């Protein structure tokens, strides 16, 4: 579906859990391409013209969940970057429900199997990615993070503009 100023949906981590990923992103993401803090993308391209309907779905879903935990379960070598893999049955359930609601609007990237991750490096040489991957693997220990809600962003051709936040467990 063609859309002007598409929307991006991310899962919001607690500030405490976000900081280490964001620090790595600041250190290892090419500065000329790093417009954003570290993030966990759930949907890459929702139609901006249906913003109100999207927000309604997010609020409805968020009221049914308390903050959830997710496992930082490993590292992925992306070829031109590195990401941390994220595992959470609750987050998968939320994604599946939203996917059903958003199905008429989804494009190719959002129709693929969702593999939650937090990218800390991208758009670099294979050697730079392999070096960071090996370095991070050396000290990696699985751990949990807290997901506190859902953020909706408007894509502005590089930077993102925050549009809405639906906090888990908040009454309508």
C-alpha atoms as a PDB file:
ATOM      1  CA  UNK A   1       0.000   0.000   0.000  1.00  0.00           C
ATOM      2  CA  UNK A   2       1.398   3.395  -0.984  1.00  0.00           C
ATOM      3  CA  UNK A   3       1.272   5.880   1.849  1.00  0.00           C
ATOM      4  CA  UNK A   4       2.649   9.324   2.521  1.00  0.00           C
ATOM      5  CA  UNK A   5       4.608   9.721   5.743  1.00  0.00           C
ATOM      6  CA  UNK A   6       4.276   6.108   6.867  1.00  0.00           C
ATOM      7  CA  UNK A   7       4.070   5.126  10.514  1.00  0.00           C
ATOM      8  CA  UNK A   8       6.497   2.860  12.349  1.00  0.00           C
ATOM      9  CA  UNK A   9       5.551   0.908  15.467  1.00  0.00           C
ATOM     10  CA  UNK A  10       8.142   0.074  18.121  1.00  0.00           C
ATOM     11  CA  UNK A  11       8.030  -1.635  21.506  1.00  0.00           C
ATOM     12  CA  UNK A  12       9.189   0.785  24.222  1.00  0.00           C
ATOM     13  CA  UNK A  13      11.784  -0.502  26.643  1.00  0.00           C
ATOM     14  CA  UNK A  14      12.260   0.938  30.098  1.00  0.00           C
ATOM     15  CA  UNK A  15      14.849   3.731  30.081  1.00  0.00           C
ATOM     16  CA  UNK A  16      17.156   1.637  32.267  1.00  0.00           C
ATOM     17  CA  UNK A  17      17.129  -1.208  29.727  1.00  0.00           C
ATOM     18  CA  UNK A  18      17.386   1.049  26.679  1.00  0.00           C
ATOM     19  CA  UNK A  19      20.570   2.854  27.763  1.00  0.00           C
ATOM     20  CA  UNK A  20      23.128   0.062  27.091  1.00  0.00           C
ATOM     21  CA  UNK A  21      21.720  -0.562  23.583  1.00  0.00           C
ATOM     22  CA  UNK A  22      21.637   3.142  22.827  1.00  0.00           C
ATOM     23  CA  UNK A  23      25.241   3.572  23.999  1.00  0.00           C
ATOM     24  CA  UNK A  24      26.337   0.751  21.651  1.00  0.00           C
ATOM     25  CA  UNK A  25      24.357   2.295  18.798  1.00  0.00           C
ATOM     26  CA  UNK A  26      25.996   5.689  19.378  1.00  0.00           C
ATOM     27  CA  UNK A  27      29.432   4.043  19.363  1.00  0.00           C
ATOM     28  CA  UNK A  28      28.994   1.717  16.372  1.00  0.00           C
ATOM     29  CA  UNK A  29      26.333   3.086  14.012  1.00  0.00           C
ATOM     30  CA  UNK A  30      27.639   5.357  11.234  1.00  0.00           C
ATOM     31  CA  UNK A  31      27.030   8.897  12.575  1.00  0.00           C
ATOM     32  CA  UNK A  32      25.701  10.183   9.232  1.00  0.00           C
ATOM     33  CA  UNK A  33      22.948   7.526   9.324  1.00  0.00           C
ATOM     34  CA  UNK A  34      22.174   7.471  13.041  1.00  0.00           C
ATOM     35  CA  UNK A  35      19.048   9.589  13.412  1.00  0.00           C
ATOM     36  CA  UNK A  36      17.460   7.489  16.176  1.00  0.00           C
ATOM     37  CA  UNK A  37      17.898   6.004  19.600  1.00  0.00           C
ATOM     38  CA  UNK A  38      18.090   2.216  19.807  1.00  0.00           C
ATOM     39  CA  UNK A  39      14.663   0.673  19.232  1.00  0.00           C
ATOM     40  CA  UNK A  40      12.737  -2.571  18.747  1.00  0.00           C
ATOM     41  CA  UNK A  41      10.654  -2.254  15.573  1.00  0.00           C
ATOM     42  CA  UNK A  42       7.395  -4.202  15.375  1.00  0.00           C
ATOM     43  CA  UNK A  43       5.999  -2.794  12.099  1.00  0.00           C
ATOM     44  CA  UNK A  44       7.986  -0.857   9.514  1.00  0.00           C
ATOM     45  CA  UNK A  45       5.321   0.791   7.373  1.00  0.00           C
ATOM     46  CA  UNK A  46       1.764   1.470   8.503  1.00  0.00           C
ATOM     47  CA  UNK A  47      -0.365   3.975   6.585  1.00  0.00           C
ATOM     48  CA  UNK A  48      -0.119   7.493   7.975  1.00  0.00           C
ATOM     49  CA  UNK A  49      -3.582   8.291   6.695  1.00  0.00           C
ATOM     50  CA  UNK A  50      -5.034   5.750   9.186  1.00  0.00           C
ATOM     51  CA  UNK A  51      -3.172   7.100  12.215  1.00  0.00           C
ATOM     52  CA  UNK A  52      -6.301   7.374  14.388  1.00  0.00           C
ATOM     53  CA  UNK A  53      -7.332   3.763  13.688  1.00  0.00           C
ATOM     54  CA  UNK A  54      -3.792   2.553  14.385  1.00  0.00           C
ATOM     55  CA  UNK A  55      -3.721   4.429  17.701  1.00  0.00           C
ATOM     56  CA  UNK A  56      -7.101   2.945  18.685  1.00  0.00           C
ATOM     57  CA  UNK A  57      -5.712  -0.572  18.135  1.00  0.00           C
ATOM     58  CA  UNK A  58      -2.581   0.229  20.149  1.00  0.00           C
ATOM     59  CA  UNK A  59      -4.561   1.578  23.102  1.00  0.00           C
ATOM     60  CA  UNK A  60      -6.885  -1.429  23.031  1.00  0.00           C
ATOM     61  CA  UNK A  61      -3.975  -3.868  23.020  1.00  0.00           C
ATOM     62  CA  UNK A  62      -1.968  -1.985  25.646  1.00  0.00           C
ATOM     63  CA  UNK A  63      -4.814  -2.018  28.174  1.00  0.00           C
ATOM     64  CA  UNK A  64      -4.720  -5.827  28.128  1.00  0.00           C
ATOM     65  CA  UNK A  65      -1.082  -6.130  29.188  1.00  0.00           C
ATOM     66  CA  UNK A  66       0.998  -5.144  32.179  1.00  0.00           C
ATOM     67  CA  UNK A  67       4.633  -4.338  31.420  1.00  0.00           C
ATOM     68  CA  UNK A  68       6.245  -7.492  30.046  1.00  0.00           C
ATOM     69  CA  UNK A  69       9.685  -8.999  30.201  1.00  0.00           C
ATOM     70  CA  UNK A  70      11.627 -10.054  27.155  1.00  0.00           C
ATOM     71  CA  UNK A  71      14.822 -12.059  26.927  1.00  0.00           C
ATOM     72  CA  UNK A  72      17.872 -10.657  25.216  1.00  0.00           C
ATOM     73  CA  UNK A  73      18.754 -14.128  23.994  1.00  0.00           C
ATOM     74  CA  UNK A  74      21.664 -13.681  21.605  1.00  0.00           C
ATOM     75  CA  UNK A  75      23.385 -11.688  18.898  1.00  0.00           C
ATOM     76  CA  UNK A  76      22.768 -11.662  15.148  1.00  0.00           C
ATOM     77  CA  UNK A  77      25.347 -10.880  12.530  1.00  0.00           C
ATOM     78  CA  UNK A  78      23.363  -8.936   9.926  1.00  0.00           C
ATOM     79  CA  UNK A  79      26.065  -8.950   7.265  1.00  0.00           C
ATOM     80  CA  UNK A  80      26.498  -5.183   7.407  1.00  0.00           C
ATOM     81  CA  UNK A  81      25.765  -4.829  11.112  1.00  0.00           C
ATOM     82  CA  UNK A  82      24.925  -6.417  14.446  1.00  0.00           C
ATOM     83  CA  UNK A  83      21.702  -6.792  16.436  1.00  0.00           C
ATOM     84  CA  UNK A  84      20.613  -8.324  19.718  1.00  0.00           C
ATOM     85  CA  UNK A  85      17.882 -10.965  19.397  1.00  0.00           C
ATOM     86  CA  UNK A  86      14.814 -10.564  21.581  1.00  0.00           C
ATOM     87  CA  UNK A  87      12.485 -13.379  22.681  1.00  0.00           C
ATOM     88  CA  UNK A  88       9.137 -12.906  24.424  1.00  0.00           C
ATOM     89  CA  UNK A  89       5.947 -14.954  24.024  1.00  0.00           C
ATOM     90  CA  UNK A  90       3.882 -11.968  25.198  1.00  0.00           C
ATOM     91  CA  UNK A  91       5.508  -9.648  22.675  1.00  0.00           C
ATOM     92  CA  UNK A  92       4.944 -12.239  19.935  1.00  0.00           C
ATOM     93  CA  UNK A  93       1.254 -12.435  20.964  1.00  0.00           C
ATOM     94  CA  UNK A  94       0.931  -8.651  20.798  1.00  0.00           C
ATOM     95  CA  UNK A  95       2.569  -8.604  17.371  1.00  0.00           C
ATOM     96  CA  UNK A  96       0.316 -11.403  16.084  1.00  0.00           C
ATOM     97  CA  UNK A  97      -2.843  -9.604  17.248  1.00  0.00           C
ATOM     98  CA  UNK A  98      -1.758  -6.316  15.711  1.00  0.00           C
ATOM     99  CA  UNK A  99      -0.738  -8.073  12.528  1.00  0.00           C
ATOM    100  CA  UNK A 100      -4.271  -9.438  12.179  1.00  0.00           C
ATOM    101  CA  UNK A 101      -5.709  -5.948  12.740  1.00  0.00           C
ATOM    102  CA  UNK A 102      -3.261  -4.294  10.314  1.00  0.00           C
ATOM    103  CA  UNK A 103      -3.269  -7.055   7.664  1.00  0.00           C
ATOM    104  CA  UNK A 104      -4.975  -5.010   4.904  1.00  0.00           C
ATOM    105  CA  UNK A 105      -2.239  -2.376   5.197  1.00  0.00           C
ATOM    106  CA  UNK A 106       0.895  -4.497   5.460  1.00  0.00           C
ATOM    107  CA  UNK A 107       3.615  -4.458   2.835  1.00  0.00           C
ATOM    108  CA  UNK A 108       6.292  -7.020   2.050  1.00  0.00           C
ATOM    109  CA  UNK A 109       8.653  -6.326   4.942  1.00  0.00           C
ATOM    110  CA  UNK A 110       5.865  -6.531   7.526  1.00  0.00           C
ATOM    111  CA  UNK A 111       4.436  -9.704   5.960  1.00  0.00           C
ATOM    112  CA  UNK A 112       7.657 -11.609   6.648  1.00  0.00           C
ATOM    113  CA  UNK A 113       8.171 -13.628   9.821  1.00  0.00           C
ATOM    114  CA  UNK A 114       8.872 -11.169  12.644  1.00  0.00           C
ATOM    115  CA  UNK A 115      12.243 -11.674  14.315  1.00  0.00           C
ATOM    116  CA  UNK A 116      12.449  -9.136  17.154  1.00  0.00           C
ATOM    117  CA  UNK A 117      15.849  -7.489  17.480  1.00  0.00           C
ATOM    118  CA  UNK A 118      17.606  -4.300  18.497  1.00  0.00           C
ATOM    119  CA  UNK A 119      20.118  -3.131  15.894  1.00  0.00           C
ATOM    120  CA  UNK A 120      23.232  -1.465  17.315  1.00  0.00           C
ATOM    121  CA  UNK A 121      25.211  -1.352  14.073  1.00  0.00           C
ATOM    122  CA  UNK A 122      24.201  -1.256  10.405  1.00  0.00           C
ATOM    123  CA  UNK A 123      25.441  -0.024   7.019  1.00  0.00           C
ATOM    124  CA  UNK A 124      29.093  -0.887   7.741  1.00  0.00           C
ATOM    125  CA  UNK A 125      31.591  -3.212   6.079  1.00  0.00           C
ATOM    126  CA  UNK A 126      31.353  -6.960   6.652  1.00  0.00           C
ATOM    127  CA  UNK A 127      34.697  -6.787   8.449  1.00  0.00           C
ATOM    128  CA  UNK A 128      33.507  -4.055  10.845  1.00  0.00           C
ATOM    129  CA  UNK A 129      30.319  -6.036  11.538  1.00  0.00           C
ATOM    130  CA  UNK A 130      32.238  -9.280  12.099  1.00  0.00           C
ATOM    131  CA  UNK A 131      34.640  -7.503  14.451  1.00  0.00           C
ATOM    132  CA  UNK A 132      31.853  -6.001  16.579  1.00  0.00           C
ATOM    133  CA  UNK A 133      29.906  -9.269  16.557  1.00  0.00           C
ATOM    134  CA  UNK A 134      32.943 -11.185  17.854  1.00  0.00           C
ATOM    135  CA  UNK A 135      33.652  -8.505  20.470  1.00  0.00           C
ATOM    136  CA  UNK A 136      30.066  -8.515  21.760  1.00  0.00           C
ATOM    137  CA  UNK A 137      29.846 -12.327  21.719  1.00  0.00           C
ATOM    138  CA  UNK A 138      32.861 -12.494  24.026  1.00  0.00           C
ATOM    139  CA  UNK A 139      31.072 -10.722  26.854  1.00  0.00           C
ATOM    140  CA  UNK A 140      27.460 -11.578  26.035  1.00  0.00           C
ATOM    141  CA  UNK A 141      25.234 -12.910  28.793  1.00  0.00           C
ATOM    142  CA  UNK A 142      21.513 -13.476  28.213  1.00  0.00           C
ATOM    143  CA  UNK A 143      19.371 -11.158  30.326  1.00  0.00           C
ATOM    144  CA  UNK A 144      15.885  -9.723  30.515  1.00  0.00           C
ATOM    145  CA  UNK A 145      14.539  -6.317  29.635  1.00  0.00           C
ATOM    146  CA  UNK A 146      11.213  -4.705  30.444  1.00  0.00           C
ATOM    147  CA  UNK A 147       8.832  -3.614  27.680  1.00  0.00           C
ATOM    148  CA  UNK A 148       6.484  -0.938  28.994  1.00  0.00           C
ATOM    149  CA  UNK A 149       4.364  -0.058  25.971  1.00  0.00           C
ATOM    150  CA  UNK A 150       4.098   0.740  22.279  1.00  0.00           C
ATOM    151  CA  UNK A 151       5.418   3.815  20.462  1.00  0.00           C
ATOM    152  CA  UNK A 152       4.107   5.067  17.146  1.00  0.00           C
ATOM    153  CA  UNK A 153       6.405   7.160  14.966  1.00  0.00           C
ATOM    154  CA  UNK A 154       6.014   9.046  11.693  1.00  0.00           C
ATOM    155  CA  UNK A 155       8.815   8.379   9.216  1.00  0.00           C
ATOM    156  CA  UNK A 156      10.221  11.634   7.820  1.00  0.00           C
ATOM    157  CA  UNK A 157      12.678  10.278   5.260  1.00  0.00           C
ATOM    158  CA  UNK A 158      15.415   9.593   7.821  1.00  0.00           C
ATOM    159  CA  UNK A 159      14.464  11.005  11.212  1.00  0.00           C
ATOM    160  CA  UNK A 160      11.301   9.847  12.970  1.00  0.00           C
ATOM    161  CA  UNK A 161       8.726  12.030  14.715  1.00  0.00           C
ATOM    162  CA  UNK A 162       7.036  10.605  17.807  1.00  0.00           C
ATOM    163  CA  UNK A 163       3.263  10.399  17.357  1.00  0.00           C
ATOM    164  CA  UNK A 164       1.785   8.371  20.205  1.00  0.00           C
ATOM    165  CA  UNK A 165       2.590   6.172  23.218  1.00  0.00           C
ATOM    166  CA  UNK A 166       0.311   3.416  24.556  1.00  0.00           C
ATOM    167  CA  UNK A 167       1.493   2.314  27.988  1.00  0.00           C
ATOM    168  CA  UNK A 168       0.829  -1.272  29.029  1.00  0.00           C
ATOM    169  CA  UNK A 169      -1.739  -1.608  31.810  1.00  0.00           C
ATOM    170  CA  UNK A 170      -3.076   1.923  31.526  1.00  0.00           C
ATOM    171  CA  UNK A 171      -6.867   2.164  31.660  1.00  0.00           C
ATOM    172  CA  UNK A 172      -8.622   3.707  28.682  1.00  0.00           C
END
